[in-house]
């Protein structure tokens, strides 16, 4: 179900497996997502999901899977021979749990097509408040991974949109966005965050004029 749309953004509420099947082949430039990987952070995070990947491959775009330490092995196994590389991102001022203690880094598994040439490592620092979500990703990280994996004006799909951080990063970096989320409450949070990001961008552009 189409939840919200404007000239640059489409948000869909529903099962990403069903909605992605309705998207035309080649309609997006990048699939970038942080799917559930079975770490038990919420009811929806009890199992490592796989079927979505085979459906996303049909869109004929590079796929970047953001994963924590506990999901890295399964994500690499999921993409199999489609594997291209791993982009590592170091968090300079924060930590999360890992299987052997504490982790200061995030991994992004790249599959199904090459990205533009550049480094497979960057650093970021968290400066603002995190969105309301059991497994949020910092906007500082998302902006850097969006810029690393795509070009200005590209259309990016996030099949597991959550609270919409990928969409906010797309607004702030000049990309178009399609987001899919099964939970209506998170769709509403994502919508409001993206609208606020668009308003802030317009204000900054007006101030610079």
C-alpha atoms as a PDB file:
ATOM      1  CA  UNK A   1       0.000   0.000   0.000  1.00  0.00           C
ATOM      2  CA  UNK A   2       1.325   3.432  -0.923  1.00  0.00           C
ATOM      3  CA  UNK A   3       1.658   5.277   2.391  1.00  0.00           C
ATOM      4  CA  UNK A   4       3.135   8.590   1.223  1.00  0.00           C
ATOM      5  CA  UNK A   5       4.658  10.084  -1.913  1.00  0.00           C
ATOM      6  CA  UNK A   6       6.013  13.306  -3.338  1.00  0.00           C
ATOM      7  CA  UNK A   7       8.261  14.115  -6.292  1.00  0.00           C
ATOM      8  CA  UNK A   8      11.333  12.490  -4.729  1.00  0.00           C
ATOM      9  CA  UNK A   9      10.042  10.008  -2.133  1.00  0.00           C
ATOM     10  CA  UNK A  10       7.721   6.990  -2.055  1.00  0.00           C
ATOM     11  CA  UNK A  11       6.888   5.178   1.176  1.00  0.00           C
ATOM     12  CA  UNK A  12       5.039   1.856   1.070  1.00  0.00           C
ATOM     13  CA  UNK A  13       3.469  -0.007   3.981  1.00  0.00           C
ATOM     14  CA  UNK A  14       3.466  -3.776   3.599  1.00  0.00           C
ATOM     15  CA  UNK A  15       5.576  -6.893   3.098  1.00  0.00           C
ATOM     16  CA  UNK A  16       8.645  -5.961   1.068  1.00  0.00           C
ATOM     17  CA  UNK A  17       8.550  -9.314  -0.721  1.00  0.00           C
ATOM     18  CA  UNK A  18       5.167  -8.480  -2.206  1.00  0.00           C
ATOM     19  CA  UNK A  19       5.875  -4.822  -2.942  1.00  0.00           C
ATOM     20  CA  UNK A  20       9.269  -5.451  -4.580  1.00  0.00           C
ATOM     21  CA  UNK A  21       7.629  -7.936  -6.957  1.00  0.00           C
ATOM     22  CA  UNK A  22       5.490  -5.058  -8.235  1.00  0.00           C
ATOM     23  CA  UNK A  23       8.486  -2.823  -8.987  1.00  0.00           C
ATOM     24  CA  UNK A  24       9.728  -2.886 -12.610  1.00  0.00           C
ATOM     25  CA  UNK A  25      13.142  -4.377 -13.361  1.00  0.00           C
ATOM     26  CA  UNK A  26      15.915  -1.798 -13.367  1.00  0.00           C
ATOM     27  CA  UNK A  27      13.808   0.908 -11.686  1.00  0.00           C
ATOM     28  CA  UNK A  28      16.298   1.641  -8.876  1.00  0.00           C
ATOM     29  CA  UNK A  29      20.007   2.427  -8.850  1.00  0.00           C
ATOM     30  CA  UNK A  30      20.793   0.849  -5.473  1.00  0.00           C
ATOM     31  CA  UNK A  31      19.203  -1.373  -2.839  1.00  0.00           C
ATOM     32  CA  UNK A  32      20.480  -0.287   0.581  1.00  0.00           C
ATOM     33  CA  UNK A  33      18.984  -1.843   3.682  1.00  0.00           C
ATOM     34  CA  UNK A  34      19.436  -2.975   7.266  1.00  0.00           C
ATOM     35  CA  UNK A  35      17.333  -6.168   7.395  1.00  0.00           C
ATOM     36  CA  UNK A  36      16.535  -8.276  10.456  1.00  0.00           C
ATOM     37  CA  UNK A  37      19.430 -10.648  11.093  1.00  0.00           C
ATOM     38  CA  UNK A  38      18.171 -12.703  14.011  1.00  0.00           C
ATOM     39  CA  UNK A  39      19.764 -10.960  16.987  1.00  0.00           C
ATOM     40  CA  UNK A  40      16.581 -10.908  19.042  1.00  0.00           C
ATOM     41  CA  UNK A  41      16.342  -7.115  19.480  1.00  0.00           C
ATOM     42  CA  UNK A  42      12.589  -7.197  18.790  1.00  0.00           C
ATOM     43  CA  UNK A  43       9.826  -9.600  17.777  1.00  0.00           C
ATOM     44  CA  UNK A  44      10.637  -9.020  14.113  1.00  0.00           C
ATOM     45  CA  UNK A  45      14.330  -9.799  14.736  1.00  0.00           C
ATOM     46  CA  UNK A  46      14.000 -13.441  15.769  1.00  0.00           C
ATOM     47  CA  UNK A  47      15.083 -14.902  12.409  1.00  0.00           C
ATOM     48  CA  UNK A  48      17.553 -14.080   9.664  1.00  0.00           C
ATOM     49  CA  UNK A  49      15.391 -13.310   6.626  1.00  0.00           C
ATOM     50  CA  UNK A  50      16.483 -14.545   3.198  1.00  0.00           C
ATOM     51  CA  UNK A  51      13.686 -14.558   0.624  1.00  0.00           C
ATOM     52  CA  UNK A  52      13.792 -10.784   0.148  1.00  0.00           C
ATOM     53  CA  UNK A  53      17.285 -10.973  -1.341  1.00  0.00           C
ATOM     54  CA  UNK A  54      16.311 -13.173  -4.284  1.00  0.00           C
ATOM     55  CA  UNK A  55      13.440 -10.815  -5.067  1.00  0.00           C
ATOM     56  CA  UNK A  56      15.675  -7.744  -4.790  1.00  0.00           C
ATOM     57  CA  UNK A  57      18.178  -9.280  -7.237  1.00  0.00           C
ATOM     58  CA  UNK A  58      15.563  -9.043  -9.975  1.00  0.00           C
ATOM     59  CA  UNK A  59      15.745  -5.249  -9.778  1.00  0.00           C
ATOM     60  CA  UNK A  60      19.201  -5.437 -11.392  1.00  0.00           C
ATOM     61  CA  UNK A  61      20.974  -3.005  -9.066  1.00  0.00           C
ATOM     62  CA  UNK A  62      23.838  -3.277  -6.583  1.00  0.00           C
ATOM     63  CA  UNK A  63      22.674  -4.449  -3.158  1.00  0.00           C
ATOM     64  CA  UNK A  64      24.243  -3.199   0.073  1.00  0.00           C
ATOM     65  CA  UNK A  65      23.282  -5.045   3.259  1.00  0.00           C
ATOM     66  CA  UNK A  66      24.100  -3.254   6.513  1.00  0.00           C
ATOM     67  CA  UNK A  67      24.782  -5.846   9.171  1.00  0.00           C
ATOM     68  CA  UNK A  68      25.969  -6.118  12.724  1.00  0.00           C
ATOM     69  CA  UNK A  69      28.605  -8.607  13.818  1.00  0.00           C
ATOM     70  CA  UNK A  70      26.059 -11.350  14.447  1.00  0.00           C
ATOM     71  CA  UNK A  71      24.626 -11.056  10.936  1.00  0.00           C
ATOM     72  CA  UNK A  72      27.820 -10.685   8.925  1.00  0.00           C
ATOM     73  CA  UNK A  73      28.461 -14.390   8.327  1.00  0.00           C
ATOM     74  CA  UNK A  74      24.849 -15.105   7.344  1.00  0.00           C
ATOM     75  CA  UNK A  75      24.744 -12.086   5.028  1.00  0.00           C
ATOM     76  CA  UNK A  76      27.867 -13.201   3.163  1.00  0.00           C
ATOM     77  CA  UNK A  77      26.442 -16.711   2.869  1.00  0.00           C
ATOM     78  CA  UNK A  78      23.138 -15.270   1.657  1.00  0.00           C
ATOM     79  CA  UNK A  79      24.676 -13.395  -1.275  1.00  0.00           C
ATOM     80  CA  UNK A  80      26.973 -16.312  -2.166  1.00  0.00           C
ATOM     81  CA  UNK A  81      28.716 -15.839  -5.509  1.00  0.00           C
ATOM     82  CA  UNK A  82      27.172 -12.368  -5.811  1.00  0.00           C
ATOM     83  CA  UNK A  83      29.559 -11.157  -3.103  1.00  0.00           C
ATOM     84  CA  UNK A  84      31.695  -8.157  -4.116  1.00  0.00           C
ATOM     85  CA  UNK A  85      33.210  -6.637  -0.957  1.00  0.00           C
ATOM     86  CA  UNK A  86      32.577  -5.418   2.588  1.00  0.00           C
ATOM     87  CA  UNK A  87      32.582  -1.725   3.459  1.00  0.00           C
ATOM     88  CA  UNK A  88      33.725  -1.181   7.038  1.00  0.00           C
ATOM     89  CA  UNK A  89      32.732   1.911   9.035  1.00  0.00           C
ATOM     90  CA  UNK A  90      34.315   2.812  12.349  1.00  0.00           C
ATOM     91  CA  UNK A  91      32.215   4.577  14.975  1.00  0.00           C
ATOM     92  CA  UNK A  92      34.538   7.029  16.698  1.00  0.00           C
ATOM     93  CA  UNK A  93      32.387   7.721  19.749  1.00  0.00           C
ATOM     94  CA  UNK A  94      30.051   4.776  20.317  1.00  0.00           C
ATOM     95  CA  UNK A  95      29.911   1.046  20.950  1.00  0.00           C
ATOM     96  CA  UNK A  96      27.500  -1.834  20.483  1.00  0.00           C
ATOM     97  CA  UNK A  97      27.622  -5.442  21.636  1.00  0.00           C
ATOM     98  CA  UNK A  98      29.436  -8.059  19.590  1.00  0.00           C
ATOM     99  CA  UNK A  99      29.829 -11.846  20.089  1.00  0.00           C
ATOM    100  CA  UNK A 100      33.235 -11.267  21.712  1.00  0.00           C
ATOM    101  CA  UNK A 101      32.500  -8.112  23.671  1.00  0.00           C
ATOM    102  CA  UNK A 102      32.134  -4.604  22.272  1.00  0.00           C
ATOM    103  CA  UNK A 103      32.108  -3.366  18.690  1.00  0.00           C
ATOM    104  CA  UNK A 104      33.069   0.019  17.272  1.00  0.00           C
ATOM    105  CA  UNK A 105      32.355  -0.786  13.641  1.00  0.00           C
ATOM    106  CA  UNK A 106      29.538  -1.465  11.184  1.00  0.00           C
ATOM    107  CA  UNK A 107      29.800  -3.702   8.143  1.00  0.00           C
ATOM    108  CA  UNK A 108      28.021  -3.325   4.801  1.00  0.00           C
ATOM    109  CA  UNK A 109      28.059  -6.363   2.499  1.00  0.00           C
ATOM    110  CA  UNK A 110      28.138  -5.353  -1.181  1.00  0.00           C
ATOM    111  CA  UNK A 111      26.664  -7.733  -3.761  1.00  0.00           C
ATOM    112  CA  UNK A 112      25.228  -7.864  -7.273  1.00  0.00           C
ATOM    113  CA  UNK A 113      27.199  -5.261  -9.161  1.00  0.00           C
ATOM    114  CA  UNK A 114      30.113  -2.959  -8.605  1.00  0.00           C
ATOM    115  CA  UNK A 115      29.961   0.413  -6.932  1.00  0.00           C
ATOM    116  CA  UNK A 116      31.915   3.456  -8.062  1.00  0.00           C
ATOM    117  CA  UNK A 117      35.615   3.225  -7.318  1.00  0.00           C
ATOM    118  CA  UNK A 118      36.670   4.351  -3.854  1.00  0.00           C
ATOM    119  CA  UNK A 119      37.710   3.175  -0.388  1.00  0.00           C
ATOM    120  CA  UNK A 120      36.003   0.311   1.451  1.00  0.00           C
ATOM    121  CA  UNK A 121      36.466   2.013   4.825  1.00  0.00           C
ATOM    122  CA  UNK A 122      35.319   5.252   6.448  1.00  0.00           C
ATOM    123  CA  UNK A 123      34.883   6.743   9.917  1.00  0.00           C
ATOM    124  CA  UNK A 124      31.966   8.609  11.447  1.00  0.00           C
ATOM    125  CA  UNK A 125      30.961  10.152  14.771  1.00  0.00           C
ATOM    126  CA  UNK A 126      27.448  10.225  16.209  1.00  0.00           C
ATOM    127  CA  UNK A 127      26.367  13.805  16.924  1.00  0.00           C
ATOM    128  CA  UNK A 128      22.589  13.775  17.303  1.00  0.00           C
ATOM    129  CA  UNK A 129      19.841  11.814  18.989  1.00  0.00           C
ATOM    130  CA  UNK A 130      19.032   8.375  17.633  1.00  0.00           C
ATOM    131  CA  UNK A 131      15.519   7.674  16.292  1.00  0.00           C
ATOM    132  CA  UNK A 132      13.022   5.563  18.232  1.00  0.00           C
ATOM    133  CA  UNK A 133      13.772   2.046  17.020  1.00  0.00           C
ATOM    134  CA  UNK A 134      15.221  -1.133  18.596  1.00  0.00           C
ATOM    135  CA  UNK A 135      18.119  -1.165  16.122  1.00  0.00           C
ATOM    136  CA  UNK A 136      18.676   2.394  14.860  1.00  0.00           C
ATOM    137  CA  UNK A 137      21.500   3.429  12.559  1.00  0.00           C
ATOM    138  CA  UNK A 138      23.131   6.854  13.032  1.00  0.00           C
ATOM    139  CA  UNK A 139      22.292   9.403  10.338  1.00  0.00           C
ATOM    140  CA  UNK A 140      26.015  10.248  10.154  1.00  0.00           C
ATOM    141  CA  UNK A 141      26.728   6.659   9.116  1.00  0.00           C
ATOM    142  CA  UNK A 142      23.826   6.454   6.682  1.00  0.00           C
ATOM    143  CA  UNK A 143      24.801   9.659   4.891  1.00  0.00           C
ATOM    144  CA  UNK A 144      28.333   8.378   4.367  1.00  0.00           C
ATOM    145  CA  UNK A 145      27.241   4.964   3.093  1.00  0.00           C
ATOM    146  CA  UNK A 146      24.673   6.578   0.757  1.00  0.00           C
ATOM    147  CA  UNK A 147      27.340   8.884  -0.674  1.00  0.00           C
ATOM    148  CA  UNK A 148      29.829   6.012  -0.994  1.00  0.00           C
ATOM    149  CA  UNK A 149      27.425   3.637  -2.729  1.00  0.00           C
ATOM    150  CA  UNK A 150      25.475   5.982  -5.038  1.00  0.00           C
ATOM    151  CA  UNK A 151      25.535   9.199  -7.051  1.00  0.00           C
ATOM    152  CA  UNK A 152      23.554  12.395  -6.619  1.00  0.00           C
ATOM    153  CA  UNK A 153      20.141  11.953  -8.236  1.00  0.00           C
ATOM    154  CA  UNK A 154      20.132   8.159  -7.917  1.00  0.00           C
ATOM    155  CA  UNK A 155      17.016   6.305  -6.753  1.00  0.00           C
ATOM    156  CA  UNK A 156      17.647   4.193  -3.649  1.00  0.00           C
ATOM    157  CA  UNK A 157      15.370   1.443  -2.332  1.00  0.00           C
ATOM    158  CA  UNK A 158      15.264   0.356   1.317  1.00  0.00           C
ATOM    159  CA  UNK A 159      13.003  -2.724   1.719  1.00  0.00           C
ATOM    160  CA  UNK A 160      13.299  -2.611   5.533  1.00  0.00           C
ATOM    161  CA  UNK A 161      12.896   1.121   6.073  1.00  0.00           C
ATOM    162  CA  UNK A 162      12.236   1.096   9.829  1.00  0.00           C
ATOM    163  CA  UNK A 163      12.200   4.651  11.148  1.00  0.00           C
ATOM    164  CA  UNK A 164      13.367   6.066   7.815  1.00  0.00           C
ATOM    165  CA  UNK A 165      17.016   6.945   8.397  1.00  0.00           C
ATOM    166  CA  UNK A 166      17.966   5.849   4.867  1.00  0.00           C
ATOM    167  CA  UNK A 167      15.288   8.171   3.508  1.00  0.00           C
ATOM    168  CA  UNK A 168      16.522  11.094   5.602  1.00  0.00           C
ATOM    169  CA  UNK A 169      20.065  10.447   4.370  1.00  0.00           C
ATOM    170  CA  UNK A 170      18.801  10.421   0.772  1.00  0.00           C
ATOM    171  CA  UNK A 171      17.066  13.778   1.256  1.00  0.00           C
ATOM    172  CA  UNK A 172      20.184  15.304   2.790  1.00  0.00           C
ATOM    173  CA  UNK A 173      22.483  14.013   0.029  1.00  0.00           C
ATOM    174  CA  UNK A 174      20.329  14.676  -3.037  1.00  0.00           C
ATOM    175  CA  UNK A 175      19.056  11.170  -3.763  1.00  0.00           C
ATOM    176  CA  UNK A 176      15.536   9.906  -4.479  1.00  0.00           C
ATOM    177  CA  UNK A 177      14.056   7.270  -2.196  1.00  0.00           C
ATOM    178  CA  UNK A 178      11.652   4.340  -2.080  1.00  0.00           C
ATOM    179  CA  UNK A 179      11.066   2.907   1.379  1.00  0.00           C
ATOM    180  CA  UNK A 180       9.098  -0.177   2.409  1.00  0.00           C
ATOM    181  CA  UNK A 181       8.060  -0.963   5.983  1.00  0.00           C
ATOM    182  CA  UNK A 182       5.515  -3.438   7.292  1.00  0.00           C
ATOM    183  CA  UNK A 183       4.809  -1.590  10.555  1.00  0.00           C
ATOM    184  CA  UNK A 184       2.384   1.342  10.218  1.00  0.00           C
ATOM    185  CA  UNK A 185       3.810   3.172  13.232  1.00  0.00           C
ATOM    186  CA  UNK A 186       7.321   3.140  11.777  1.00  0.00           C
ATOM    187  CA  UNK A 187       5.910   4.291   8.430  1.00  0.00           C
ATOM    188  CA  UNK A 188       4.449   7.318  10.191  1.00  0.00           C
ATOM    189  CA  UNK A 189       7.724   8.020  12.008  1.00  0.00           C
ATOM    190  CA  UNK A 190       9.655   7.711   8.732  1.00  0.00           C
ATOM    191  CA  UNK A 191       7.212  10.005   6.940  1.00  0.00           C
ATOM    192  CA  UNK A 192       7.525  12.722   9.575  1.00  0.00           C
ATOM    193  CA  UNK A 193      11.323  12.477   9.710  1.00  0.00           C
ATOM    194  CA  UNK A 194      11.632  12.696   5.930  1.00  0.00           C
ATOM    195  CA  UNK A 195       9.227  15.665   5.691  1.00  0.00           C
ATOM    196  CA  UNK A 196      11.197  17.449   8.424  1.00  0.00           C
ATOM    197  CA  UNK A 197      14.458  16.742   6.564  1.00  0.00           C
ATOM    198  CA  UNK A 198      12.958  18.185   3.375  1.00  0.00           C
ATOM    199  CA  UNK A 199      11.806  21.299   5.228  1.00  0.00           C
ATOM    200  CA  UNK A 200      15.224  21.789   6.809  1.00  0.00           C
ATOM    201  CA  UNK A 201      16.871  21.399   3.411  1.00  0.00           C
ATOM    202  CA  UNK A 202      14.591  24.028   1.878  1.00  0.00           C
ATOM    203  CA  UNK A 203      15.317  26.426   4.747  1.00  0.00           C
ATOM    204  CA  UNK A 204      19.080  25.971   4.356  1.00  0.00           C
ATOM    205  CA  UNK A 205      18.844  26.510   0.596  1.00  0.00           C
ATOM    206  CA  UNK A 206      16.718  29.625   1.089  1.00  0.00           C
ATOM    207  CA  UNK A 207      19.206  30.919   3.629  1.00  0.00           C
ATOM    208  CA  UNK A 208      22.093  30.362   1.234  1.00  0.00           C
ATOM    209  CA  UNK A 209      20.343  32.173  -1.625  1.00  0.00           C
END
